[in-house]
């Protein structure tokens, strides 16, 4: 079960992802698999193109990550998305 702080960070990432995706050049993919508690974010900062990988990728398996480790990764994702939002 995800705690309140982690849920809030995930919602913040979803919000930022939607804002960043409203621009043409940035493409953000966000996936949460509730049945196995996996959260994945990939960012193609110059836009998605077939055959090219993401510039930024983080995945978190909440079932095996400590709370501090999960929060740190979520904060890294938020920081990356906030930078893209400004640029």
PDB file of N, CA and C in Angstrom:
ATOM      1  N   UNK A   1       0.843  -1.181   0.000  1.00  0.00           N
ATOM      2  CA  UNK A   1       0.000   0.000   0.000  1.00  0.00           C
ATOM      3  C   UNK A   1       0.886   1.241   0.000  1.00  0.00           C
ATOM      4  N   UNK A   2       0.605   2.159  -0.879  1.00  0.00           N
ATOM      5  CA  UNK A   2       1.397   3.378  -0.987  1.00  0.00           C
ATOM      6  C   UNK A   2       0.934   4.393   0.052  1.00  0.00           C
ATOM      7  N   UNK A   3       1.903   5.046   0.694  1.00  0.00           N
ATOM      8  CA  UNK A   3       1.523   6.044   1.696  1.00  0.00           C
ATOM      9  C   UNK A   3       1.120   7.357   1.030  1.00  0.00           C
ATOM     10  N   UNK A   4       0.602   8.249   1.822  1.00  0.00           N
ATOM     11  CA  UNK A   4       0.046   9.509   1.318  1.00  0.00           C
ATOM     12  C   UNK A   4       1.083  10.357   0.577  1.00  0.00           C
ATOM     13  N   UNK A   5       2.287  10.465   1.134  1.00  0.00           N
ATOM     14  CA  UNK A   5       3.330  11.281   0.507  1.00  0.00           C
ATOM     15  C   UNK A   5       3.694  10.743  -0.870  1.00  0.00           C
ATOM     16  N   UNK A   6       3.844   9.435  -0.975  1.00  0.00           N
ATOM     17  CA  UNK A   6       4.181   8.812  -2.259  1.00  0.00           C
ATOM     18  C   UNK A   6       3.045   9.037  -3.259  1.00  0.00           C
ATOM     19  N   UNK A   7       1.810   8.869  -2.827  1.00  0.00           N
ATOM     20  CA  UNK A   7       0.665   9.110  -3.713  1.00  0.00           C
ATOM     21  C   UNK A   7       0.646  10.554  -4.210  1.00  0.00           C
ATOM     22  N   UNK A   8       0.936  11.494  -3.314  1.00  0.00           N
ATOM     23  CA  UNK A   8       0.957  12.911  -3.704  1.00  0.00           C
ATOM     24  C   UNK A   8       2.043  13.182  -4.735  1.00  0.00           C
ATOM     25  N   UNK A   9       3.202  12.550  -4.571  1.00  0.00           N
ATOM     26  CA  UNK A   9       4.290  12.729  -5.535  1.00  0.00           C
ATOM     27  C   UNK A   9       3.918  12.135  -6.895  1.00  0.00           C
ATOM     28  N   UNK A  10       3.262  10.985  -6.884  1.00  0.00           N
ATOM     29  CA  UNK A  10       2.818  10.368  -8.137  1.00  0.00           C
ATOM     30  C   UNK A  10       1.811  11.277  -8.843  1.00  0.00           C
ATOM     31  N   UNK A  11       0.876  11.836  -8.100  1.00  0.00           N
ATOM     32  CA  UNK A  11      -0.100  12.757  -8.695  1.00  0.00           C
ATOM     33  C   UNK A  11       0.577  14.007  -9.247  1.00  0.00           C
ATOM     34  N   UNK A  12       1.592  14.508  -8.561  1.00  0.00           N
ATOM     35  CA  UNK A  12       2.352  15.669  -9.040  1.00  0.00           C
ATOM     36  C   UNK A  12       3.038  15.331 -10.365  1.00  0.00           C
ATOM     37  N   UNK A  13       3.613  14.134 -10.446  1.00  0.00           N
ATOM     38  CA  UNK A  13       4.269  13.691 -11.677  1.00  0.00           C
ATOM     39  C   UNK A  13       3.252  13.596 -12.811  1.00  0.00           C
ATOM     40  N   UNK A  14       2.081  13.062 -12.525  1.00  0.00           N
ATOM     41  CA  UNK A  14       1.033  12.975 -13.551  1.00  0.00           C
ATOM     42  C   UNK A  14       0.650  14.366 -14.047  1.00  0.00           C
ATOM     43  N   UNK A  15       0.481  15.292 -13.118  1.00  0.00           N
ATOM     44  CA  UNK A  15       0.119  16.669 -13.479  1.00  0.00           C
ATOM     45  C   UNK A  15       1.201  17.314 -14.342  1.00  0.00           C
ATOM     46  N   UNK A  16       2.451  17.191 -13.918  1.00  0.00           N
ATOM     47  CA  UNK A  16       3.558  17.771 -14.684  1.00  0.00           C
ATOM     48  C   UNK A  16       3.679  17.106 -16.052  1.00  0.00           C
ATOM     49  N   UNK A  17       3.493  15.797 -16.095  1.00  0.00           N
ATOM     50  CA  UNK A  17       3.559  15.080 -17.365  1.00  0.00           C
ATOM     51  C   UNK A  17       2.525  15.580 -18.360  1.00  0.00           C
ATOM     52  N   UNK A  18       1.319  15.831 -17.883  1.00  0.00           N
ATOM     53  CA  UNK A  18       0.270  16.372 -18.756  1.00  0.00           C
ATOM     54  C   UNK A  18       0.629  17.766 -19.255  1.00  0.00           C
ATOM     55  N   UNK A  19       1.188  18.588 -18.388  1.00  0.00           N
ATOM     56  CA  UNK A  19       1.588  19.942 -18.788  1.00  0.00           C
ATOM     57  C   UNK A  19       2.715  19.901 -19.813  1.00  0.00           C
ATOM     58  N   UNK A  20       3.713  19.077 -19.566  1.00  0.00           N
ATOM     59  CA  UNK A  20       4.853  18.990 -20.483  1.00  0.00           C
ATOM     60  C   UNK A  20       4.408  18.409 -21.822  1.00  0.00           C
ATOM     61  N   UNK A  21       3.507  17.435 -21.806  1.00  0.00           N
ATOM     62  CA  UNK A  21       3.038  16.821 -23.049  1.00  0.00           C
ATOM     63  C   UNK A  21       2.193  17.758 -23.894  1.00  0.00           C
ATOM     64  N   UNK A  22       1.765  18.871 -23.348  1.00  0.00           N
ATOM     65  CA  UNK A  22       0.983  19.817 -24.140  1.00  0.00           C
ATOM     66  C   UNK A  22       1.859  20.574 -25.132  1.00  0.00           C
ATOM     67  N   UNK A  23       3.160  20.409 -25.003  1.00  0.00           N
ATOM     68  CA  UNK A  23       4.100  21.026 -25.950  1.00  0.00           C
ATOM     69  C   UNK A  23       4.428  20.014 -27.039  1.00  0.00           C
ATOM     70  N   UNK A  24       4.830  20.498 -28.178  1.00  0.00           N
ATOM     71  CA  UNK A  24       5.105  19.601 -29.302  1.00  0.00           C
ATOM     72  C   UNK A  24       6.370  18.777 -29.131  1.00  0.00           C
ATOM     73  N   UNK A  25       7.436  19.384 -28.610  1.00  0.00           N
ATOM     74  CA  UNK A  25       8.723  18.694 -28.635  1.00  0.00           C
ATOM     75  C   UNK A  25       8.900  17.640 -27.551  1.00  0.00           C
ATOM     76  N   UNK A  26       8.213  17.771 -26.430  1.00  0.00           N
ATOM     77  CA  UNK A  26       8.412  16.843 -25.325  1.00  0.00           C
ATOM     78  C   UNK A  26       7.343  15.760 -25.315  1.00  0.00           C
ATOM     79  N   UNK A  27       7.761  14.534 -25.074  1.00  0.00           N
ATOM     80  CA  UNK A  27       6.817  13.435 -24.946  1.00  0.00           C
ATOM     81  C   UNK A  27       7.149  12.666 -23.680  1.00  0.00           C
ATOM     82  N   UNK A  28       6.171  12.575 -22.792  1.00  0.00           N
ATOM     83  CA  UNK A  28       6.338  11.905 -21.511  1.00  0.00           C
ATOM     84  C   UNK A  28       5.402  10.701 -21.468  1.00  0.00           C
ATOM     85  N   UNK A  29       5.949   9.550 -21.116  1.00  0.00           N
ATOM     86  CA  UNK A  29       5.161   8.339 -20.926  1.00  0.00           C
ATOM     87  C   UNK A  29       5.174   8.009 -19.440  1.00  0.00           C
ATOM     88  N   UNK A  30       3.995   7.808 -18.869  1.00  0.00           N
ATOM     89  CA  UNK A  30       3.866   7.492 -17.452  1.00  0.00           C
ATOM     90  C   UNK A  30       2.985   6.255 -17.331  1.00  0.00           C
ATOM     91  N   UNK A  31       3.475   5.275 -16.570  1.00  0.00           N
ATOM     92  CA  UNK A  31       2.697   4.039 -16.407  1.00  0.00           C
ATOM     93  C   UNK A  31       2.744   3.577 -14.956  1.00  0.00           C
ATOM     94  N   UNK A  32       1.583   3.297 -14.410  1.00  0.00           N
ATOM     95  CA  UNK A  32       1.488   2.721 -13.077  1.00  0.00           C
ATOM     96  C   UNK A  32       0.772   1.390 -13.194  1.00  0.00           C
ATOM     97  N   UNK A  33       1.421   0.343 -12.749  1.00  0.00           N
ATOM     98  CA  UNK A  33       0.819  -0.990 -12.741  1.00  0.00           C
ATOM     99  C   UNK A  33       0.475  -1.331 -11.299  1.00  0.00           C
ATOM    100  N   UNK A  34      -0.768  -1.101 -10.940  1.00  0.00           N
ATOM    101  CA  UNK A  34      -1.198  -1.261  -9.558  1.00  0.00           C
ATOM    102  C   UNK A  34      -1.103  -2.682  -9.036  1.00  0.00           C
ATOM    103  N   UNK A  35      -1.286  -3.663  -9.925  1.00  0.00           N
ATOM    104  CA  UNK A  35      -1.273  -5.055  -9.476  1.00  0.00           C
ATOM    105  C   UNK A  35       0.101  -5.504  -8.991  1.00  0.00           C
ATOM    106  N   UNK A  36       1.151  -4.825  -9.434  1.00  0.00           N
ATOM    107  CA  UNK A  36       2.501  -5.186  -8.983  1.00  0.00           C
ATOM    108  C   UNK A  36       3.270  -3.986  -8.439  1.00  0.00           C
ATOM    109  N   UNK A  37       2.591  -2.875  -8.230  1.00  0.00           N
ATOM    110  CA  UNK A  37       3.158  -1.664  -7.634  1.00  0.00           C
ATOM    111  C   UNK A  37       4.425  -1.178  -8.344  1.00  0.00           C
ATOM    112  N   UNK A  38       4.338  -1.079  -9.664  1.00  0.00           N
ATOM    113  CA  UNK A  38       5.446  -0.551 -10.463  1.00  0.00           C
ATOM    114  C   UNK A  38       5.012   0.774 -11.081  1.00  0.00           C
ATOM    115  N   UNK A  39       5.901   1.743 -11.010  1.00  0.00           N
ATOM    116  CA  UNK A  39       5.667   3.068 -11.582  1.00  0.00           C
ATOM    117  C   UNK A  39       6.830   3.366 -12.511  1.00  0.00           C
ATOM    118  N   UNK A  40       6.533   3.725 -13.757  1.00  0.00           N
ATOM    119  CA  UNK A  40       7.569   3.983 -14.756  1.00  0.00           C
ATOM    120  C   UNK A  40       7.327   5.320 -15.440  1.00  0.00           C
ATOM    121  N   UNK A  41       8.404   6.041 -15.663  1.00  0.00           N
ATOM    122  CA  UNK A  41       8.336   7.301 -16.399  1.00  0.00           C
ATOM    123  C   UNK A  41       9.473   7.314 -17.408  1.00  0.00           C
ATOM    124  N   UNK A  42       9.141   7.581 -18.655  1.00  0.00           N
ATOM    125  CA  UNK A  42      10.177   7.794 -19.669  1.00  0.00           C
ATOM    126  C   UNK A  42       9.890   9.122 -20.359  1.00  0.00           C
ATOM    127  N   UNK A  43      10.975   9.842 -20.622  1.00  0.00           N
ATOM    128  CA  UNK A  43      10.858  11.174 -21.213  1.00  0.00           C
ATOM    129  C   UNK A  43      11.709  11.236 -22.474  1.00  0.00           C
ATOM    130  N   UNK A  44      11.077  11.650 -23.541  1.00  0.00           N
ATOM    131  CA  UNK A  44      11.753  11.903 -24.816  1.00  0.00           C
ATOM    132  C   UNK A  44      11.736  13.425 -24.976  1.00  0.00           C
ATOM    133  N   UNK A  45      12.797  14.077 -24.552  1.00  0.00           N
ATOM    134  CA  UNK A  45      12.779  15.546 -24.461  1.00  0.00           C
ATOM    135  C   UNK A  45      12.690  16.237 -25.816  1.00  0.00           C
ATOM    136  N   UNK A  46      13.077  15.563 -26.876  1.00  0.00           N
ATOM    137  CA  UNK A  46      12.966  16.147 -28.217  1.00  0.00           C
ATOM    138  C   UNK A  46      11.804  15.540 -28.989  1.00  0.00           C
ATOM    139  N   UNK A  47      10.942  14.831 -28.282  1.00  0.00           N
ATOM    140  CA  UNK A  47       9.801  14.185 -28.917  1.00  0.00           C
ATOM    141  C   UNK A  47      10.080  12.720 -29.199  1.00  0.00           C
ATOM    142  N   UNK A  48       9.030  11.901 -29.158  1.00  0.00           N
ATOM    143  CA  UNK A  48       9.173  10.478 -29.420  1.00  0.00           C
ATOM    144  C   UNK A  48       9.419  10.246 -30.898  1.00  0.00           C
ATOM    145  N   UNK A  49      10.374   9.362 -31.185  1.00  0.00           N
ATOM    146  CA  UNK A  49      10.643   8.946 -32.561  1.00  0.00           C
ATOM    147  C   UNK A  49      10.891   7.448 -32.542  1.00  0.00           C
ATOM    148  N   UNK A  50      10.350   6.774 -33.531  1.00  0.00           N
ATOM    149  CA  UNK A  50      10.507   5.328 -33.618  1.00  0.00           C
ATOM    150  C   UNK A  50      11.987   4.953 -33.637  1.00  0.00           C
ATOM    151  N   UNK A  51      12.337   3.975 -32.838  1.00  0.00           N
ATOM    152  CA  UNK A  51      13.705   3.475 -32.806  1.00  0.00           C
ATOM    153  C   UNK A  51      14.637   4.202 -31.857  1.00  0.00           C
ATOM    154  N   UNK A  52      14.204   5.336 -31.320  1.00  0.00           N
ATOM    155  CA  UNK A  52      15.046   6.080 -30.379  1.00  0.00           C
ATOM    156  C   UNK A  52      14.548   5.861 -28.955  1.00  0.00           C
ATOM    157  N   UNK A  53      15.488   5.651 -28.059  1.00  0.00           N
ATOM    158  CA  UNK A  53      15.131   5.452 -26.657  1.00  0.00           C
ATOM    159  C   UNK A  53      14.865   6.765 -25.948  1.00  0.00           C
ATOM    160  N   UNK A  54      14.407   6.642 -24.740  1.00  0.00           N
ATOM    161  CA  UNK A  54      14.116   7.816 -23.914  1.00  0.00           C
ATOM    162  C   UNK A  54      15.411   8.479 -23.459  1.00  0.00           C
ATOM    163  N   UNK A  55      15.348   9.806 -23.287  1.00  0.00           N
ATOM    164  CA  UNK A  55      16.480  10.547 -22.732  1.00  0.00           C
ATOM    165  C   UNK A  55      16.570  10.342 -21.222  1.00  0.00           C
ATOM    166  N   UNK A  56      15.437  10.033 -20.615  1.00  0.00           N
ATOM    167  CA  UNK A  56      15.338   9.891 -19.164  1.00  0.00           C
ATOM    168  C   UNK A  56      14.364   8.760 -18.875  1.00  0.00           C
ATOM    169  N   UNK A  57      14.750   7.847 -17.995  1.00  0.00           N
ATOM    170  CA  UNK A  57      13.874   6.738 -17.624  1.00  0.00           C
ATOM    171  C   UNK A  57      14.077   6.398 -16.157  1.00  0.00           C
ATOM    172  N   UNK A  58      12.988   6.258 -15.447  1.00  0.00           N
ATOM    173  CA  UNK A  58      13.021   5.800 -14.052  1.00  0.00           C
ATOM    174  C   UNK A  58      11.889   4.809 -13.863  1.00  0.00           C
ATOM    175  N   UNK A  59      12.195   3.737 -13.156  1.00  0.00           N
ATOM    176  CA  UNK A  59      11.138   2.829 -12.739  1.00  0.00           C
ATOM    177  C   UNK A  59      11.304   2.548 -11.254  1.00  0.00           C
ATOM    178  N   UNK A  60      10.179   2.393 -10.606  1.00  0.00           N
ATOM    179  CA  UNK A  60      10.173   2.156  -9.169  1.00  0.00           C
ATOM    180  C   UNK A  60       9.272   0.963  -8.901  1.00  0.00           C
ATOM    181  N   UNK A  61       9.831  -0.052  -8.271  1.00  0.00           N
ATOM    182  CA  UNK A  61       9.039  -1.187  -7.825  1.00  0.00           C
ATOM    183  C   UNK A  61       8.829  -0.994  -6.330  1.00  0.00           C
ATOM    184  N   UNK A  62       7.673  -0.479  -5.972  1.00  0.00           N
ATOM    185  CA  UNK A  62       7.409  -0.116  -4.585  1.00  0.00           C
ATOM    186  C   UNK A  62       7.460  -1.314  -3.646  1.00  0.00           C
ATOM    187  N   UNK A  63       7.223  -2.503  -4.170  1.00  0.00           N
ATOM    188  CA  UNK A  63       7.253  -3.704  -3.344  1.00  0.00           C
ATOM    189  C   UNK A  63       8.632  -4.044  -2.815  1.00  0.00           C
ATOM    190  N   UNK A  64       9.679  -3.610  -3.520  1.00  0.00           N
ATOM    191  CA  UNK A  64      11.038  -3.939  -3.074  1.00  0.00           C
ATOM    192  C   UNK A  64      11.893  -2.703  -2.797  1.00  0.00           C
ATOM    193  N   UNK A  65      11.359  -1.520  -3.000  1.00  0.00           N
ATOM    194  CA  UNK A  65      12.107  -0.286  -2.730  1.00  0.00           C
ATOM    195  C   UNK A  65      11.779   0.213  -1.327  1.00  0.00           C
ATOM    196  N   UNK A  66      12.799   0.739  -0.664  1.00  0.00           N
ATOM    197  CA  UNK A  66      12.529   1.380   0.624  1.00  0.00           C
ATOM    198  C   UNK A  66      11.755   2.670   0.367  1.00  0.00           C
ATOM    199  N   UNK A  67      11.084   3.159   1.378  1.00  0.00           N
ATOM    200  CA  UNK A  67      10.314   4.393   1.220  1.00  0.00           C
ATOM    201  C   UNK A  67      11.222   5.556   0.851  1.00  0.00           C
ATOM    202  N   UNK A  68      12.400   5.634   1.467  1.00  0.00           N
ATOM    203  CA  UNK A  68      13.340   6.720   1.152  1.00  0.00           C
ATOM    204  C   UNK A  68      13.832   6.635  -0.287  1.00  0.00           C
ATOM    205  N   UNK A  69      14.132   5.421  -0.736  1.00  0.00           N
ATOM    206  CA  UNK A  69      14.591   5.229  -2.121  1.00  0.00           C
ATOM    207  C   UNK A  69      13.491   5.629  -3.107  1.00  0.00           C
ATOM    208  N   UNK A  70      12.272   5.228  -2.828  1.00  0.00           N
ATOM    209  CA  UNK A  70      11.143   5.571  -3.702  1.00  0.00           C
ATOM    210  C   UNK A  70      10.934   7.080  -3.747  1.00  0.00           C
ATOM    211  N   UNK A  71      10.977   7.723  -2.591  1.00  0.00           N
ATOM    212  CA  UNK A  71      10.801   9.185  -2.553  1.00  0.00           C
ATOM    213  C   UNK A  71      11.905   9.893  -3.330  1.00  0.00           C
ATOM    214  N   UNK A  72      13.128   9.403  -3.200  1.00  0.00           N
ATOM    215  CA  UNK A  72      14.257  10.014  -3.915  1.00  0.00           C
ATOM    216  C   UNK A  72      14.045   9.918  -5.428  1.00  0.00           C
ATOM    217  N   UNK A  73      13.651   8.754  -5.910  1.00  0.00           N
ATOM    218  CA  UNK A  73      13.411   8.581  -7.347  1.00  0.00           C
ATOM    219  C   UNK A  73      12.246   9.448  -7.824  1.00  0.00           C
ATOM    220  N   UNK A  74      11.190   9.509  -7.031  1.00  0.00           N
ATOM    221  CA  UNK A  74      10.046  10.352  -7.395  1.00  0.00           C
ATOM    222  C   UNK A  74      10.454  11.818  -7.459  1.00  0.00           C
ATOM    223  N   UNK A  75      11.283  12.251  -6.510  1.00  0.00           N
ATOM    224  CA  UNK A  75      11.767  13.637  -6.520  1.00  0.00           C
ATOM    225  C   UNK A  75      12.629  13.923  -7.746  1.00  0.00           C
ATOM    226  N   UNK A  76      13.435  12.938  -8.176  1.00  0.00           N
ATOM    227  CA  UNK A  76      14.250  13.105  -9.387  1.00  0.00           C
ATOM    228  C   UNK A  76      13.352  13.284 -10.613  1.00  0.00           C
ATOM    229  N   UNK A  77      12.280  12.519 -10.675  1.00  0.00           N
ATOM    230  CA  UNK A  77      11.340  12.633 -11.796  1.00  0.00           C
ATOM    231  C   UNK A  77      10.672  14.004 -11.787  1.00  0.00           C
ATOM    232  N   UNK A  78      10.227  14.436 -10.618  1.00  0.00           N
ATOM    233  CA  UNK A  78       9.584  15.751 -10.495  1.00  0.00           C
ATOM    234  C   UNK A  78      10.539  16.853 -10.927  1.00  0.00           C
ATOM    235  N   UNK A  79      11.785  16.768 -10.482  1.00  0.00           N
ATOM    236  CA  UNK A  79      12.786  17.784 -10.842  1.00  0.00           C
ATOM    237  C   UNK A  79      12.987  17.841 -12.356  1.00  0.00           C
ATOM    238  N   UNK A  80      13.093  16.684 -12.994  1.00  0.00           N
ATOM    239  CA  UNK A  80      13.284  16.630 -14.449  1.00  0.00           C
ATOM    240  C   UNK A  80      12.083  17.243 -15.181  1.00  0.00           C
ATOM    241  N   UNK A  81      10.879  16.892 -14.756  1.00  0.00           N
ATOM    242  CA  UNK A  81       9.682  17.425 -15.406  1.00  0.00           C
ATOM    243  C   UNK A  81       9.530  18.925 -15.190  1.00  0.00           C
ATOM    244  N   UNK A  82       9.877  19.400 -14.011  1.00  0.00           N
ATOM    245  CA  UNK A  82       9.799  20.843 -13.752  1.00  0.00           C
ATOM    246  C   UNK A  82      10.777  21.614 -14.631  1.00  0.00           C
ATOM    247  N   UNK A  83      11.954  21.050 -14.877  1.00  0.00           N
ATOM    248  CA  UNK A  83      12.921  21.698 -15.775  1.00  0.00           C
ATOM    249  C   UNK A  83      12.377  21.751 -17.199  1.00  0.00           C
ATOM    250  N   UNK A  84      11.753  20.670 -17.647  1.00  0.00           N
ATOM    251  CA  UNK A  84      11.174  20.652 -18.998  1.00  0.00           C
ATOM    252  C   UNK A  84      10.020  21.638 -19.115  1.00  0.00           C
ATOM    253  N   UNK A  85       9.256  21.771 -18.061  1.00  0.00           N
ATOM    254  CA  UNK A  85       8.113  22.684 -18.068  1.00  0.00           C
ATOM    255  C   UNK A  85       8.562  24.127 -18.251  1.00  0.00           C
ATOM    256  N   UNK A  86       9.691  24.483 -17.649  1.00  0.00           N
ATOM    257  CA  UNK A  86      10.212  25.853 -17.724  1.00  0.00           C
ATOM    258  C   UNK A  86      10.793  26.140 -19.102  1.00  0.00           C
ATOM    259  N   UNK A  87      11.466  25.160 -19.683  1.00  0.00           N
ATOM    260  CA  UNK A  87      12.143  25.377 -20.980  1.00  0.00           C
ATOM    261  C   UNK A  87      11.196  25.332 -22.137  1.00  0.00           C
TER     262      UNK A  87
END
